Amino acid sequence: MRLTYDPKYNVAYISLRENRQDVETLRISDELNVDVAPDGIIVGIELLNATEQLGRDPASLIVVNAASGEEKEITFPS
C-alpha cells in the first residue's frame, strides 16, 4: 500500500495495488474516486480536496495494527 499527497493540487491517493492500465474510475462523490480493476479488485482511492476531508494538513500518518493496538506515526518532511 502506498499513500501519496500532492499539496499543489490538494489530492491524496491511496494505492492498494500496483498501477493497472485498465482500471475503471468510479466517482463516489465530488471529492472521492475509487479505481477498480476489471476483476472487481479496488486498486486505489483518490481524495480530492484532501485537507478538507482529512480535517488537517496531512503532515503525518498514523498506522495502527488493529490486532495488537500498536501505533506508529510517520511524519512527512515539509
N, C-alpha and C. Protein backbone atom coordinates (compact mmCIF):
# COMPACT_ATOMS: atom_id res chain seq x y z
N MET A 1 0.85 -1.17 0.00
CA MET A 1 0.00 0.00 0.00
C MET A 1 0.90 1.23 0.00
N ARG A 2 0.44 2.24 -0.70
CA ARG A 2 1.22 3.47 -0.82
C ARG A 2 0.27 4.67 -0.73
N LEU A 3 0.66 5.66 0.05
CA LEU A 3 -0.12 6.89 0.17
C LEU A 3 0.71 8.02 -0.42
N THR A 4 0.12 8.77 -1.33
CA THR A 4 0.79 9.95 -1.88
C THR A 4 -0.10 11.16 -1.64
N TYR A 5 0.54 12.32 -1.50
CA TYR A 5 -0.19 13.57 -1.32
C TYR A 5 0.47 14.64 -2.17
N ASP A 6 -0.32 15.36 -2.94
CA ASP A 6 0.17 16.45 -3.77
C ASP A 6 -0.38 17.76 -3.21
N PRO A 7 0.47 18.53 -2.46
CA PRO A 7 -0.02 19.76 -1.85
C PRO A 7 -0.41 20.83 -2.88
N LYS A 8 0.18 20.79 -4.06
CA LYS A 8 -0.15 21.79 -5.08
C LYS A 8 -1.62 21.67 -5.49
N TYR A 9 -2.11 20.44 -5.65
CA TYR A 9 -3.49 20.22 -6.07
C TYR A 9 -4.38 19.74 -4.91
N ASN A 10 -3.78 19.53 -3.73
CA ASN A 10 -4.51 19.09 -2.54
C ASN A 10 -5.26 17.77 -2.79
N VAL A 11 -4.51 16.81 -3.35
CA VAL A 11 -5.07 15.50 -3.68
C VAL A 11 -4.24 14.42 -2.99
N ALA A 12 -4.94 13.48 -2.35
CA ALA A 12 -4.28 12.32 -1.75
C ALA A 12 -4.72 11.08 -2.51
N TYR A 13 -3.82 10.11 -2.65
CA TYR A 13 -4.15 8.87 -3.34
C TYR A 13 -3.62 7.70 -2.52
N ILE A 14 -4.50 6.77 -2.21
CA ILE A 14 -4.13 5.56 -1.50
C ILE A 14 -4.11 4.44 -2.54
N SER A 15 -2.91 3.97 -2.85
CA SER A 15 -2.74 2.90 -3.83
C SER A 15 -2.71 1.57 -3.10
N LEU A 16 -3.66 0.71 -3.39
CA LEU A 16 -3.76 -0.58 -2.73
C LEU A 16 -3.09 -1.70 -3.51
N ARG A 17 -2.94 -1.51 -4.80
CA ARG A 17 -2.31 -2.49 -5.70
C ARG A 17 -1.39 -1.74 -6.66
N GLU A 18 -0.56 -2.51 -7.36
CA GLU A 18 0.27 -1.89 -8.40
C GLU A 18 -0.65 -1.28 -9.44
N ASN A 19 -0.20 -0.18 -10.01
CA ASN A 19 -1.00 0.53 -11.00
C ASN A 19 -1.34 -0.39 -12.17
N ARG A 20 -2.61 -0.41 -12.50
CA ARG A 20 -3.06 -1.19 -13.66
C ARG A 20 -3.59 -0.22 -14.70
N GLN A 21 -3.33 -0.52 -15.95
CA GLN A 21 -3.74 0.37 -17.03
C GLN A 21 -5.24 0.34 -17.29
N ASP A 22 -5.89 -0.77 -16.98
CA ASP A 22 -7.28 -0.96 -17.38
C ASP A 22 -8.27 -0.78 -16.23
N VAL A 23 -8.02 0.20 -15.36
CA VAL A 23 -8.94 0.43 -14.25
C VAL A 23 -10.11 1.29 -14.69
N GLU A 24 -11.21 1.14 -13.99
CA GLU A 24 -12.37 2.00 -14.17
C GLU A 24 -12.45 2.88 -12.94
N THR A 25 -12.58 4.19 -13.14
CA THR A 25 -12.70 5.11 -12.02
C THR A 25 -14.17 5.35 -11.73
N LEU A 26 -14.56 5.01 -10.50
CA LEU A 26 -15.93 5.23 -10.06
C LEU A 26 -15.98 6.51 -9.25
N ARG A 27 -16.80 7.44 -9.66
CA ARG A 27 -16.96 8.70 -8.94
C ARG A 27 -17.99 8.48 -7.84
N ILE A 28 -17.53 8.45 -6.62
CA ILE A 28 -18.41 8.22 -5.49
C ILE A 28 -19.09 9.52 -5.06
N SER A 29 -18.32 10.60 -5.07
CA SER A 29 -18.84 11.93 -4.76
C SER A 29 -17.97 12.95 -5.47
N ASP A 30 -18.24 14.24 -5.23
CA ASP A 30 -17.43 15.29 -5.85
C ASP A 30 -15.97 15.23 -5.38
N GLU A 31 -15.72 14.58 -4.25
CA GLU A 31 -14.37 14.59 -3.68
C GLU A 31 -13.79 13.20 -3.44
N LEU A 32 -14.41 12.16 -3.99
CA LEU A 32 -13.93 10.80 -3.77
C LEU A 32 -14.10 9.96 -5.03
N ASN A 33 -12.98 9.40 -5.50
CA ASN A 33 -12.97 8.48 -6.64
C ASN A 33 -12.34 7.17 -6.21
N VAL A 34 -12.85 6.06 -6.75
CA VAL A 34 -12.30 4.74 -6.47
C VAL A 34 -11.94 4.08 -7.80
N ASP A 35 -10.69 3.62 -7.92
CA ASP A 35 -10.24 2.92 -9.12
C ASP A 35 -10.43 1.42 -8.91
N VAL A 36 -11.14 0.78 -9.85
CA VAL A 36 -11.47 -0.63 -9.74
C VAL A 36 -10.97 -1.36 -10.99
N ALA A 37 -10.31 -2.51 -10.79
CA ALA A 37 -9.83 -3.34 -11.89
C ALA A 37 -11.01 -4.13 -12.47
N PRO A 38 -10.86 -4.65 -13.69
CA PRO A 38 -11.95 -5.41 -14.31
C PRO A 38 -12.44 -6.61 -13.47
N ASP A 39 -11.56 -7.16 -12.65
CA ASP A 39 -11.95 -8.30 -11.81
C ASP A 39 -12.63 -7.87 -10.51
N GLY A 40 -12.86 -6.56 -10.33
CA GLY A 40 -13.56 -6.06 -9.16
C GLY A 40 -12.68 -5.66 -8.00
N ILE A 41 -11.37 -5.87 -8.11
CA ILE A 41 -10.44 -5.51 -7.03
C ILE A 41 -10.24 -4.00 -7.01
N ILE A 42 -10.31 -3.41 -5.82
CA ILE A 42 -10.06 -1.97 -5.68
C ILE A 42 -8.56 -1.73 -5.78
N VAL A 43 -8.17 -0.89 -6.72
CA VAL A 43 -6.77 -0.59 -6.98
C VAL A 43 -6.32 0.63 -6.18
N GLY A 44 -7.19 1.64 -6.05
CA GLY A 44 -6.80 2.84 -5.33
C GLY A 44 -7.99 3.74 -5.01
N ILE A 45 -7.74 4.66 -4.09
CA ILE A 45 -8.76 5.60 -3.63
C ILE A 45 -8.17 7.00 -3.72
N GLU A 46 -8.87 7.89 -4.41
CA GLU A 46 -8.40 9.27 -4.60
C GLU A 46 -9.27 10.22 -3.79
N LEU A 47 -8.63 11.04 -2.97
CA LEU A 47 -9.33 12.05 -2.17
C LEU A 47 -9.03 13.42 -2.76
N LEU A 48 -10.03 14.05 -3.36
CA LEU A 48 -9.89 15.40 -3.86
C LEU A 48 -10.21 16.35 -2.71
N ASN A 49 -9.58 17.51 -2.70
CA ASN A 49 -9.73 18.45 -1.58
C ASN A 49 -9.36 17.72 -0.28
N ALA A 50 -8.21 17.08 -0.30
CA ALA A 50 -7.81 16.15 0.75
C ALA A 50 -7.75 16.77 2.15
N THR A 51 -7.22 17.96 2.29
CA THR A 51 -7.11 18.53 3.63
C THR A 51 -8.47 18.76 4.27
N GLU A 52 -9.45 19.10 3.46
CA GLU A 52 -10.81 19.27 3.99
C GLU A 52 -11.36 17.92 4.48
N GLN A 53 -11.12 16.88 3.73
CA GLN A 53 -11.61 15.55 4.11
C GLN A 53 -10.85 14.97 5.30
N LEU A 54 -9.55 15.23 5.35
CA LEU A 54 -8.74 14.70 6.43
C LEU A 54 -8.82 15.55 7.69
N GLY A 55 -9.32 16.77 7.55
CA GLY A 55 -9.54 17.63 8.70
C GLY A 55 -8.33 18.38 9.19
N ARG A 56 -7.20 18.22 8.50
CA ARG A 56 -5.98 18.93 8.89
C ARG A 56 -4.96 18.78 7.78
N ASP A 57 -3.85 19.47 7.91
CA ASP A 57 -2.76 19.33 6.96
C ASP A 57 -2.17 17.93 7.14
N PRO A 58 -2.13 17.12 6.09
CA PRO A 58 -1.62 15.76 6.24
C PRO A 58 -0.11 15.72 6.39
N ALA A 59 0.40 16.19 7.53
CA ALA A 59 1.83 16.22 7.78
C ALA A 59 2.33 14.92 8.39
N SER A 60 1.39 14.07 8.80
CA SER A 60 1.80 12.79 9.37
C SER A 60 0.71 11.74 9.12
N LEU A 61 1.09 10.51 9.30
CA LEU A 61 0.19 9.38 9.11
C LEU A 61 0.38 8.44 10.29
N ILE A 62 -0.70 8.00 10.88
CA ILE A 62 -0.62 7.04 11.97
C ILE A 62 -1.10 5.69 11.46
N VAL A 63 -0.23 4.69 11.57
CA VAL A 63 -0.55 3.33 11.15
C VAL A 63 -0.84 2.54 12.41
N VAL A 64 -2.01 1.88 12.45
CA VAL A 64 -2.43 1.14 13.63
C VAL A 64 -2.58 -0.34 13.29
N ASN A 65 -1.95 -1.19 14.09
CA ASN A 65 -2.14 -2.64 13.98
C ASN A 65 -3.37 -2.96 14.82
N ALA A 66 -4.49 -3.27 14.18
CA ALA A 66 -5.74 -3.49 14.89
C ALA A 66 -5.67 -4.69 15.83
N ALA A 67 -4.86 -5.69 15.51
CA ALA A 67 -4.76 -6.89 16.35
C ALA A 67 -4.03 -6.60 17.66
N SER A 68 -2.93 -5.83 17.58
CA SER A 68 -2.11 -5.59 18.78
C SER A 68 -2.37 -4.23 19.42
N GLY A 69 -2.98 -3.32 18.67
CA GLY A 69 -3.18 -1.97 19.17
C GLY A 69 -1.95 -1.09 19.02
N GLU A 70 -0.87 -1.65 18.49
CA GLU A 70 0.37 -0.88 18.31
C GLU A 70 0.17 0.20 17.26
N GLU A 71 0.68 1.39 17.56
CA GLU A 71 0.59 2.52 16.64
C GLU A 71 1.98 3.01 16.27
N LYS A 72 2.12 3.47 15.03
CA LYS A 72 3.37 4.07 14.58
C LYS A 72 3.01 5.32 13.79
N GLU A 73 3.63 6.43 14.14
CA GLU A 73 3.39 7.68 13.41
C GLU A 73 4.52 7.93 12.43
N ILE A 74 4.14 8.25 11.21
CA ILE A 74 5.10 8.59 10.17
C ILE A 74 4.92 10.08 9.87
N THR A 75 5.98 10.86 10.03
CA THR A 75 5.93 12.29 9.79
C THR A 75 6.52 12.58 8.43
N PHE A 76 5.83 13.41 7.66
CA PHE A 76 6.28 13.78 6.33
C PHE A 76 7.14 15.04 6.41
N PRO A 77 8.21 15.10 5.62
CA PRO A 77 9.02 16.33 5.60
C PRO A 77 8.23 17.47 5.01
N SER A 78 8.46 18.67 5.50
CA SER A 78 7.73 19.83 4.98
C SER A 78 8.51 20.54 3.92
